N, C-alpha and C. Protein backbone atom coordinates (compact mmCIF):
# COMPACT_ATOMS: atom_id res chain seq x y z
N PHE A 1 -79.43 16.37 -4.81
CA PHE A 1 -80.93 16.03 -5.56
C PHE A 1 -79.64 15.29 -6.86
N TRP A 2 -80.36 14.09 -7.21
CA TRP A 2 -80.10 13.52 -8.54
C TRP A 2 -80.91 12.88 -8.72
N ALA A 3 -81.18 12.94 -10.73
CA ALA A 3 -81.87 11.91 -11.45
C ALA A 3 -81.21 10.61 -11.47
N ARG A 4 -82.19 9.20 -11.20
CA ARG A 4 -81.13 8.21 -11.07
C ARG A 4 -81.95 8.13 -12.66
N PRO A 5 -80.49 7.36 -13.61
CA PRO A 5 -80.63 6.81 -14.76
C PRO A 5 -81.75 5.57 -15.02
N GLU A 6 -82.09 4.55 -14.00
CA GLU A 6 -82.65 3.89 -14.39
C GLU A 6 -84.52 4.49 -14.57
N LEU A 7 -84.78 5.21 -14.32
CA LEU A 7 -86.09 6.02 -14.00
C LEU A 7 -86.06 6.57 -15.56
N SER A 8 -87.85 5.96 -16.19
CA SER A 8 -88.38 6.35 -17.05
C SER A 8 -88.39 8.14 -17.61
N CYS A 9 -88.76 8.58 -16.50
CA CYS A 9 -88.87 9.68 -16.73
C CYS A 9 -88.56 11.04 -15.63
N ALA A 10 -87.37 11.94 -16.00
CA ALA A 10 -87.31 12.66 -14.53
C ALA A 10 -87.16 14.21 -14.87
N GLY A 11 -87.27 15.01 -13.99
CA GLY A 11 -87.29 16.24 -13.80
C GLY A 11 -86.11 16.88 -13.58
N ARG A 12 -86.02 18.33 -13.61
CA ARG A 12 -84.69 19.28 -12.79
C ARG A 12 -85.16 19.55 -11.81
N VAL A 13 -84.24 19.52 -10.56
CA VAL A 13 -84.77 19.84 -9.02
C VAL A 13 -83.00 20.19 -8.96
N LYS A 14 -83.30 21.52 -8.20
CA LYS A 14 -82.07 21.91 -7.58
C LYS A 14 -82.13 22.62 -6.41
N PRO A 15 -80.93 22.38 -5.22
CA PRO A 15 -81.02 22.96 -4.71
C PRO A 15 -80.83 24.54 -4.62
N SER A 16 -81.94 25.08 -3.47
CA SER A 16 -82.56 26.08 -3.41
C SER A 16 -81.74 26.87 -2.17
N GLY A 17 -81.30 27.81 -1.80
CA GLY A 17 -80.92 28.90 -0.96
C GLY A 17 -79.90 28.60 0.00
N THR A 18 -79.33 29.27 0.77
CA THR A 18 -77.85 28.95 1.32
C THR A 18 -77.64 27.46 1.78
N TYR A 19 -78.82 26.87 2.76
CA TYR A 19 -78.49 25.82 3.07
C TYR A 19 -79.64 24.85 2.71
N PRO A 20 -79.37 24.42 1.75
CA PRO A 20 -80.69 23.65 1.30
C PRO A 20 -81.12 22.50 1.90
N ILE A 21 -80.47 21.99 2.92
CA ILE A 21 -80.88 21.04 3.43
C ILE A 21 -80.70 21.71 5.19
N GLN A 22 -81.45 21.47 5.95
CA GLN A 22 -81.35 21.62 7.58
C GLN A 22 -81.93 21.13 8.20
N LEU A 23 -80.98 21.03 9.80
CA LEU A 23 -81.73 20.06 11.03
C LEU A 23 -82.36 21.15 11.98
N SER A 24 -83.29 20.60 12.36
CA SER A 24 -83.60 21.25 13.26
C SER A 24 -82.16 20.77 15.20
N LEU A 25 -81.72 19.61 14.89
CA LEU A 25 -80.65 19.45 15.93
C LEU A 25 -79.78 18.54 14.99
N LEU A 26 -78.31 18.92 15.64
CA LEU A 26 -77.00 18.43 15.33
C LEU A 26 -76.83 16.78 16.52
N ASN A 27 -77.49 17.40 17.53
CA ASN A 27 -76.88 16.33 18.48
C ASN A 27 -77.22 15.05 17.81
N ARG A 28 -75.97 14.04 18.21
CA ARG A 28 -76.15 12.51 17.98
C ARG A 28 -77.35 12.02 18.64
N ASN A 29 -77.31 10.82 17.85
CA ASN A 29 -78.71 10.02 18.44
C ASN A 29 -79.87 11.03 18.75
N ASP A 30 -80.24 12.55 18.83
CA ASP A 30 -81.76 13.08 18.88
C ASP A 30 -82.60 12.87 17.67
N LEU A 31 -83.66 13.40 18.07
CA LEU A 31 -84.51 13.10 16.82
C LEU A 31 -84.80 14.59 16.53
N ALA A 32 -84.15 14.73 14.88
CA ALA A 32 -84.21 15.87 14.72
C ALA A 32 -85.74 16.24 13.34
N ASP A 33 -85.99 17.75 12.88
CA ASP A 33 -86.42 17.40 11.95
C ASP A 33 -85.84 18.14 10.64
N TYR A 34 -86.22 17.49 9.50
CA TYR A 34 -84.71 17.88 8.38
C TYR A 34 -86.02 18.54 7.14
N THR A 35 -85.25 19.33 7.22
CA THR A 35 -85.68 20.60 5.59
C THR A 35 -85.00 20.51 4.73
N PHE A 36 -85.69 20.15 3.69
CA PHE A 36 -84.73 20.06 2.49
C PHE A 36 -85.75 21.08 1.13
N THR A 37 -84.55 22.73 0.65
CA THR A 37 -85.39 23.15 -0.14
C THR A 37 -84.84 23.11 -1.21
N PHE A 38 -85.71 23.73 -2.20
CA PHE A 38 -85.15 22.84 -3.49
C PHE A 38 -86.06 23.63 -4.78
N THR A 39 -85.97 23.96 -5.70
CA THR A 39 -86.64 24.56 -7.17
C THR A 39 -87.07 23.11 -8.16
N ILE A 40 -88.12 23.31 -8.23
CA ILE A 40 -87.92 22.22 -9.28
C ILE A 40 -88.78 22.78 -11.00
N GLU A 41 -87.24 22.87 -11.56
CA GLU A 41 -87.23 23.37 -12.79
C GLU A 41 -87.82 23.07 -13.72
N THR A 42 -88.40 21.73 -13.88
CA THR A 42 -89.20 21.09 -15.08
C THR A 42 -90.53 20.64 -14.87
N ALA A 43 -91.24 20.22 -15.23
CA ALA A 43 -92.92 19.85 -14.55
C ALA A 43 -92.75 18.38 -14.15
N VAL A 44 -93.11 18.01 -13.18
CA VAL A 44 -93.37 16.80 -12.56
C VAL A 44 -94.50 15.92 -13.13
N PRO A 45 -93.95 14.77 -13.37
CA PRO A 45 -95.40 13.98 -13.93
C PRO A 45 -96.84 13.83 -13.39
N GLN A 46 -97.76 13.85 -13.66
CA GLN A 46 -99.26 13.73 -12.73
C GLN A 46 -98.48 13.03 -11.49
N GLU A 47 -97.68 11.59 -11.87
CA GLU A 47 -97.27 10.30 -10.83
C GLU A 47 -96.32 9.74 -10.62
N GLY A 48 -95.77 11.53 -10.94
CA GLY A 48 -94.26 11.67 -10.19
C GLY A 48 -93.88 11.53 -8.88
N HIS A 49 -92.46 11.43 -8.54
CA HIS A 49 -92.27 11.56 -7.27
C HIS A 49 -90.66 11.94 -6.84
N PHE A 50 -90.54 12.07 -5.72
CA PHE A 50 -89.17 12.45 -5.51
C PHE A 50 -89.18 11.56 -4.34
N GLU A 51 -87.81 11.22 -4.37
CA GLU A 51 -86.79 10.48 -3.27
C GLU A 51 -86.10 11.02 -2.72
N ILE A 52 -85.82 10.78 -1.18
CA ILE A 52 -84.55 11.17 -0.45
C ILE A 52 -84.12 10.27 0.12
N GLU A 53 -82.60 10.05 0.30
CA GLU A 53 -82.51 8.79 0.56
C GLU A 53 -81.41 8.75 1.59
N PHE A 54 -81.47 8.72 2.29
CA PHE A 54 -80.48 9.33 3.88
C PHE A 54 -79.33 8.36 3.33
N PRO A 55 -78.07 8.79 4.16
CA PRO A 55 -76.72 8.18 3.93
C PRO A 55 -76.87 6.58 4.56
N SER A 56 -75.28 6.16 4.87
CA SER A 56 -76.06 4.97 5.63
C SER A 56 -75.11 4.87 7.24
N GLU A 57 -74.91 5.85 7.94
CA GLU A 57 -74.91 6.12 8.69
C GLU A 57 -76.25 6.52 9.34
N TYR A 58 -77.35 6.62 8.97
CA TYR A 58 -78.72 6.17 9.64
C TYR A 58 -79.04 4.87 9.55
N VAL A 59 -80.14 5.12 10.79
CA VAL A 59 -80.26 3.82 11.02
C VAL A 59 -81.63 3.16 10.39
N ASN A 60 -81.79 1.75 10.11
CA ASN A 60 -83.02 1.44 9.03
C ASN A 60 -84.41 2.04 9.10
N GLN A 61 -85.34 2.40 8.51
CA GLN A 61 -86.32 3.58 9.13
C GLN A 61 -85.76 4.64 9.74
N LEU A 62 -85.16 5.29 9.56
CA LEU A 62 -84.62 6.52 9.58
C LEU A 62 -85.08 6.66 11.40
N GLY A 63 -85.05 5.46 11.99
CA GLY A 63 -85.64 5.27 13.51
C GLY A 63 -86.38 6.13 14.34
N LEU A 64 -87.48 6.26 13.37
CA LEU A 64 -88.72 6.99 13.83
C LEU A 64 -89.50 6.52 14.85
N ALA A 65 -89.81 7.28 15.88
CA ALA A 65 -90.49 6.73 16.71
C ALA A 65 -91.87 6.86 16.47
N ASN A 66 -92.37 7.46 15.73
CA ASN A 66 -93.70 7.49 15.27
C ASN A 66 -93.92 7.16 13.65
N SER A 67 -94.89 7.48 12.98
CA SER A 67 -94.94 7.20 11.84
C SER A 67 -94.35 8.40 11.04
N LEU A 68 -94.06 7.71 9.62
CA LEU A 68 -93.78 9.06 9.25
C LEU A 68 -94.73 10.20 8.70
N ARG A 69 -94.12 11.37 8.48
CA ARG A 69 -95.18 12.81 8.78
C ARG A 69 -93.84 13.66 7.73
N VAL A 70 -94.35 13.82 6.32
CA VAL A 70 -93.55 14.72 5.95
C VAL A 70 -94.74 15.93 5.48
N GLU A 71 -93.96 17.26 5.95
CA GLU A 71 -94.94 18.20 5.33
C GLU A 71 -94.42 19.25 4.15
N ALA A 72 -95.74 20.09 2.99
CA ALA A 72 -95.24 20.26 1.96
C ALA A 72 -95.71 21.52 2.02
N PRO A 73 -95.11 22.26 1.10
CA PRO A 73 -95.74 23.55 1.03
C PRO A 73 -97.70 23.42 0.83
N ALA A 74 -97.95 25.01 1.71
CA ALA A 74 -99.58 25.07 1.73
C ALA A 74 -100.53 25.19 0.33
N GLY A 75 -101.36 24.35 0.41
CA GLY A 75 -102.42 24.07 -1.28
C GLY A 75 -101.42 23.01 -1.82
N VAL A 76 -100.91 21.84 -1.64
CA VAL A 76 -99.71 21.17 -2.46
C VAL A 76 -99.89 19.76 -1.19
N SER A 77 -100.85 18.62 -2.31
CA SER A 77 -101.59 17.46 -1.24
C SER A 77 -100.25 16.24 -1.74
N VAL A 78 -99.61 15.49 -0.28
CA VAL A 78 -98.35 15.20 -0.89
C VAL A 78 -98.68 13.76 -0.21
N THR A 79 -98.19 12.27 -0.90
CA THR A 79 -98.56 11.38 0.21
C THR A 79 -96.48 10.70 0.05
N SER A 80 -96.63 10.10 1.26
CA SER A 80 -94.92 9.41 1.30
C SER A 80 -95.01 8.28 1.84
N SER A 81 -93.77 7.86 1.68
CA SER A 81 -93.63 6.32 2.33
C SER A 81 -91.99 6.15 2.44
N LEU A 82 -91.83 4.85 3.26
CA LEU A 82 -90.42 4.76 3.43
C LEU A 82 -89.96 3.69 3.53
N SER A 83 -88.88 3.58 3.11
CA SER A 83 -88.52 2.29 2.65
C SER A 83 -86.90 2.17 3.06
N GLY A 84 -86.56 1.47 4.19
CA GLY A 84 -84.76 1.67 4.84
C GLY A 84 -85.01 2.67 5.29
N ARG A 85 -83.72 3.49 4.19
CA ARG A 85 -83.57 4.86 4.47
C ARG A 85 -83.81 6.23 3.20
N LYS A 86 -85.39 5.18 2.42
CA LYS A 86 -85.40 6.13 1.88
C LYS A 86 -86.85 6.85 1.45
N VAL A 87 -87.01 8.20 1.77
CA VAL A 87 -88.42 8.43 1.71
C VAL A 87 -89.16 9.36 0.40
N THR A 88 -89.84 8.56 -0.11
CA THR A 88 -90.46 8.38 -1.27
C THR A 88 -91.89 10.05 -1.40
N VAL A 89 -92.19 10.81 -1.94
CA VAL A 89 -92.77 11.79 -1.68
C VAL A 89 -93.48 11.85 -2.90
N ASN A 90 -94.93 11.47 -3.18
CA ASN A 90 -95.37 11.56 -4.17
C ASN A 90 -96.32 12.84 -4.14
N ALA A 91 -95.58 13.47 -5.19
CA ALA A 91 -96.42 14.64 -5.65
C ALA A 91 -96.47 15.52 -7.02
N GLY A 92 -97.44 15.36 -7.35
CA GLY A 92 -97.35 15.35 -9.09
C GLY A 92 -98.02 17.18 -8.84
N GLU A 93 -98.47 17.93 -7.88
CA GLU A 93 -98.90 19.43 -8.08
C GLU A 93 -97.98 20.41 -7.62
N PHE A 94 -96.57 19.96 -7.45
CA PHE A 94 -95.67 21.19 -7.44
C PHE A 94 -95.98 21.27 -8.41
N PRO A 95 -95.53 23.57 -7.90
CA PRO A 95 -95.22 23.92 -8.91
C PRO A 95 -93.92 24.31 -9.31
N VAL A 96 -94.23 24.78 -10.71
CA VAL A 96 -92.46 24.97 -11.40
C VAL A 96 -91.57 26.15 -11.18
N ASN A 97 -91.11 26.15 -10.99
CA ASN A 97 -89.68 27.31 -10.98
C ASN A 97 -90.07 28.06 -9.41
N ALA A 98 -90.53 27.51 -8.37
CA ALA A 98 -90.84 28.08 -6.51
C ALA A 98 -90.28 27.27 -6.20
N GLN A 99 -89.71 27.56 -5.11
CA GLN A 99 -89.28 27.55 -3.96
C GLN A 99 -89.63 26.41 -3.41
N VAL A 100 -89.53 25.25 -3.10
CA VAL A 100 -90.24 24.32 -2.44
C VAL A 100 -89.41 23.99 -1.24
N GLU A 101 -90.06 23.77 0.25
CA GLU A 101 -89.63 22.96 1.10
C GLU A 101 -90.56 21.35 1.46
N ILE A 102 -89.71 21.00 2.00
CA ILE A 102 -90.25 19.12 2.37
C ILE A 102 -89.57 19.22 3.63
N VAL A 103 -90.45 19.03 4.54
CA VAL A 103 -89.83 18.62 6.10
C VAL A 103 -90.43 17.42 6.48
N ILE A 104 -89.38 16.52 6.77
CA ILE A 104 -89.45 15.42 7.13
C ILE A 104 -89.12 15.61 8.80
N PHE A 105 -90.08 15.04 10.00
CA PHE A 105 -90.12 15.06 11.36
C PHE A 105 -89.29 13.73 11.79
N ASP A 106 -88.80 14.55 13.02
CA ASP A 106 -88.49 13.00 14.59
C ASP A 106 -87.54 12.16 13.05
N VAL A 107 -86.29 12.38 12.63
CA VAL A 107 -85.66 11.25 11.86
C VAL A 107 -84.64 11.05 13.48
N LYS A 108 -84.08 9.72 13.38
CA LYS A 108 -83.12 9.93 14.38
C LYS A 108 -82.22 9.72 13.57
N ASN A 109 -80.81 11.18 14.73
CA ASN A 109 -79.58 11.46 14.16
C ASN A 109 -78.62 10.63 14.01
N PRO A 110 -77.87 10.38 13.37
CA PRO A 110 -76.98 9.13 13.66
C PRO A 110 -75.97 9.31 14.61
N SER A 111 -75.70 8.27 15.02
CA SER A 111 -74.60 8.12 16.56
C SER A 111 -72.88 8.71 16.40
N LYS A 112 -73.03 8.77 14.80
CA LYS A 112 -71.37 9.14 14.50
C LYS A 112 -71.62 10.59 13.42
N THR A 113 -70.92 11.50 13.42
CA THR A 113 -70.65 12.34 12.25
C THR A 113 -70.15 11.78 10.87
N GLY A 114 -70.36 12.63 10.19
CA GLY A 114 -69.58 12.52 8.77
C GLY A 114 -70.66 12.00 7.81
N GLY A 115 -70.94 11.31 6.77
CA GLY A 115 -71.70 10.61 6.05
C GLY A 115 -71.17 10.39 4.26
N THR A 116 -72.20 9.51 3.48
CA THR A 116 -71.09 8.65 2.26
C THR A 116 -72.28 9.46 1.10
C-alpha cells in the first residue's frame, strides 16, 4: 500500500495482520477472491478513495467474468470501479484505527507466477 505523490490529499494506510493480502486459490488462471486487510491510521476525506493496482501479470479488467464485486465491513457503504488492473474503492466512512478488510471477488489469477 502506498500514497501517490500526485494526489492532493493522502491518508496513512498500514497493512495489517500476518498476511495482509490473501487469495482463496493460488492456481494459475483460476478465479480467486482477494482479501486485503489494513488499518486506516488517519481520517479518510469524505470523498476519499483507495486504489488497489494489480501487477502487470494480471490480465486487463482482471479477467472478471462477472461485474466487479467488492465487499467491505458491515455497516460501511462503498462503491467501486475497475479500470485496467486498478480497482478504486470509494469509502469515506471507514473507521480510523480499525482493521478493515476489502474483498475483491472472482479475479483471474495470472498465467505465470511472480509479480512486478
